């Protein structure tokens, strides 16, 4: 896949998404939307199509995300960028290397990716409790230093 600046992108796809994509790319999915004549050259190679059978635009994708955000009560708060930001934040919170996240997001500079590393207080507490030997809670009275 190619993104902004014609840079090649790696797009990881999970099991559920892969199954849905295979169904979509079958003759009964995307093939059923094939127009008699493509509107623009290159539309025939597009994975995602709009309701008229043309290439799905950035604005079209935004409209779909916004529509589903409205349905679940998120309204204007759900955007493609929010989904991107959430994905990057969750990956970092669960131990992904920042360089890997940088590559997936297509950032030229690591400084751009560092925006996603703002650590929540909850994450700080979890990491501290899992890593520091005196942080683990014990059933008995707290340890006392030697007198």
Protein backbone atom coordinates (compact mmCIF):
# COMPACT_ATOMS: atom_id res chain seq x y z
CA UNK A 1 0.00 0.00 0.00
CA UNK A 2 1.22 3.51 -0.71
CA UNK A 3 0.55 6.47 1.58
CA UNK A 4 1.30 10.18 1.72
CA UNK A 5 4.27 11.12 -0.44
CA UNK A 6 3.97 7.84 -2.38
CA UNK A 7 5.75 6.08 0.49
CA UNK A 8 5.18 2.35 0.67
CA UNK A 9 3.31 1.36 3.83
CA UNK A 10 3.15 -1.90 5.72
CA UNK A 11 -0.40 -2.60 6.85
CA UNK A 12 -0.75 -5.39 9.41
CA UNK A 13 -4.08 -7.16 9.06
CA UNK A 14 -5.55 -9.40 11.76
CA UNK A 15 -7.47 -12.62 11.28
CA UNK A 16 -10.97 -11.04 11.34
CA UNK A 17 -9.99 -8.22 8.99
CA UNK A 18 -8.26 -10.67 6.63
CA UNK A 19 -11.42 -12.78 6.40
CA UNK A 20 -13.55 -9.69 5.76
CA UNK A 21 -11.07 -8.47 3.13
CA UNK A 22 -11.08 -11.85 1.37
CA UNK A 23 -14.90 -11.79 1.32
CA UNK A 24 -14.87 -8.23 -0.03
CA UNK A 25 -12.36 -9.03 -2.79
CA UNK A 26 -14.44 -12.04 -3.93
CA UNK A 27 -16.68 -11.68 -6.99
CA UNK A 28 -19.77 -11.29 -4.77
CA UNK A 29 -18.22 -8.36 -2.85
CA UNK A 30 -16.19 -5.72 -4.65
CA UNK A 31 -16.74 -7.46 -7.99
CA UNK A 32 -20.48 -6.90 -7.67
CA UNK A 33 -19.86 -3.11 -7.53
CA UNK A 34 -17.72 -3.00 -10.67
CA UNK A 35 -19.10 -0.29 -12.94
CA UNK A 36 -19.52 -0.72 -16.69
CA UNK A 37 -16.80 1.92 -17.12
CA UNK A 38 -14.33 3.12 -14.48
CA UNK A 39 -14.48 6.87 -13.75
CA UNK A 40 -10.70 7.31 -13.53
CA UNK A 41 -7.66 5.36 -14.55
CA UNK A 42 -6.42 3.41 -11.54
CA UNK A 43 -9.85 3.02 -9.94
CA UNK A 44 -9.94 -0.61 -11.08
CA UNK A 45 -6.96 -1.35 -8.77
CA UNK A 46 -8.51 0.37 -5.74
CA UNK A 47 -9.35 -1.95 -2.85
CA UNK A 48 -12.12 0.21 -1.42
CA UNK A 49 -14.85 1.70 -3.60
CA UNK A 50 -17.48 4.33 -3.00
CA UNK A 51 -21.18 3.77 -3.69
CA UNK A 52 -20.70 4.76 -7.35
CA UNK A 53 -17.93 2.20 -7.89
CA UNK A 54 -15.08 4.74 -7.86
CA UNK A 55 -12.04 4.84 -5.60
CA UNK A 56 -12.96 5.65 -1.98
CA UNK A 57 -11.56 9.09 -1.18
CA UNK A 58 -10.07 10.33 2.09
CA UNK A 59 -13.26 12.35 2.64
CA UNK A 60 -15.38 9.27 1.91
CA UNK A 61 -13.49 7.26 4.53
CA UNK A 62 -13.88 10.12 7.03
CA UNK A 63 -17.65 10.17 6.37
CA UNK A 64 -17.94 6.43 7.05
CA UNK A 65 -15.99 6.68 10.32
CA UNK A 66 -18.04 9.72 11.40
CA UNK A 67 -21.34 7.95 10.58
CA UNK A 68 -20.41 4.98 12.78
CA UNK A 69 -19.16 7.35 15.49
CA UNK A 70 -22.62 8.95 15.53
CA UNK A 71 -24.28 5.52 15.79
CA UNK A 72 -22.32 4.65 18.94
CA UNK A 73 -22.70 8.09 20.55
CA UNK A 74 -19.21 9.46 19.87
CA UNK A 75 -20.34 12.09 17.37
CA UNK A 76 -17.59 14.46 16.29
CA UNK A 77 -15.06 12.85 18.67
CA UNK A 78 -14.42 9.86 16.37
CA UNK A 79 -12.24 10.57 13.34
CA UNK A 80 -9.74 8.50 11.34
CA UNK A 81 -6.96 10.40 13.12
CA UNK A 82 -8.36 9.45 16.53
CA UNK A 83 -8.35 5.78 15.44
CA UNK A 84 -4.74 6.14 14.26
CA UNK A 85 -3.70 7.86 17.49
CA UNK A 86 -5.50 5.25 19.62
CA UNK A 87 -3.85 2.38 17.76
CA UNK A 88 -0.36 3.87 18.19
CA UNK A 89 -0.96 4.64 21.87
CA UNK A 90 -2.27 1.12 22.60
CA UNK A 91 0.69 -0.45 20.82
CA UNK A 92 3.17 1.60 22.85
CA UNK A 93 1.24 0.93 26.09
CA UNK A 94 1.52 -2.78 25.39
CA UNK A 95 5.25 -2.79 24.76
CA UNK A 96 5.71 -2.07 21.06
CA UNK A 97 9.06 -0.54 20.17
CA UNK A 98 8.75 3.14 19.22
CA UNK A 99 10.77 2.54 16.02
CA UNK A 100 8.24 -0.10 14.91
CA UNK A 101 5.34 2.28 15.58
CA UNK A 102 7.23 5.02 13.70
CA UNK A 103 7.55 2.74 10.66
CA UNK A 104 3.88 1.68 10.77
CA UNK A 105 2.73 5.29 11.00
CA UNK A 106 5.11 6.35 8.24
CA UNK A 107 6.76 9.10 10.25
CA UNK A 108 10.07 10.33 8.84
CA UNK A 109 11.16 11.61 12.26
CA UNK A 110 11.05 9.76 15.58
CA UNK A 111 10.12 13.11 17.18
CA UNK A 112 6.75 12.97 15.42
CA UNK A 113 6.09 9.51 16.89
CA UNK A 114 7.11 10.60 20.40
CA UNK A 115 3.82 12.52 20.67
CA UNK A 116 2.21 9.11 21.27
CA UNK A 117 4.49 8.27 24.21
CA UNK A 118 2.83 10.50 26.77
CA UNK A 119 2.45 8.00 29.57
CA UNK A 120 -0.73 7.74 31.59
CA UNK A 121 -0.57 7.71 35.39
CA UNK A 122 -2.14 4.24 35.34
CA UNK A 123 0.55 2.89 33.03
CA UNK A 124 3.28 4.43 35.21
CA UNK A 125 1.78 2.72 38.28
CA UNK A 126 1.52 -0.67 36.52
CA UNK A 127 5.09 -0.54 35.25
CA UNK A 128 6.40 0.57 38.64
CA UNK A 129 4.49 -2.18 40.48
CA UNK A 130 5.64 -4.86 38.05
CA UNK A 131 9.28 -3.77 37.94
CA UNK A 132 10.24 -2.40 41.35
CA UNK A 133 10.93 -5.03 44.06
CA UNK A 134 9.47 -2.96 46.92
CA UNK A 135 6.40 -1.86 44.98
CA UNK A 136 4.55 -5.16 45.21
CA UNK A 137 1.78 -5.06 47.79
CA UNK A 138 2.06 -7.62 50.55
CA UNK A 139 -0.54 -9.01 52.93
CA UNK A 140 1.41 -8.23 56.14
CA UNK A 141 2.72 -5.01 57.63
CA UNK A 142 5.08 -2.96 55.47
CA UNK A 143 8.82 -3.72 55.57
CA UNK A 144 10.73 -1.69 58.12
CA UNK A 145 14.29 -0.60 57.56
CA UNK A 146 16.82 -2.14 59.97
CA UNK A 147 17.31 -0.16 63.23
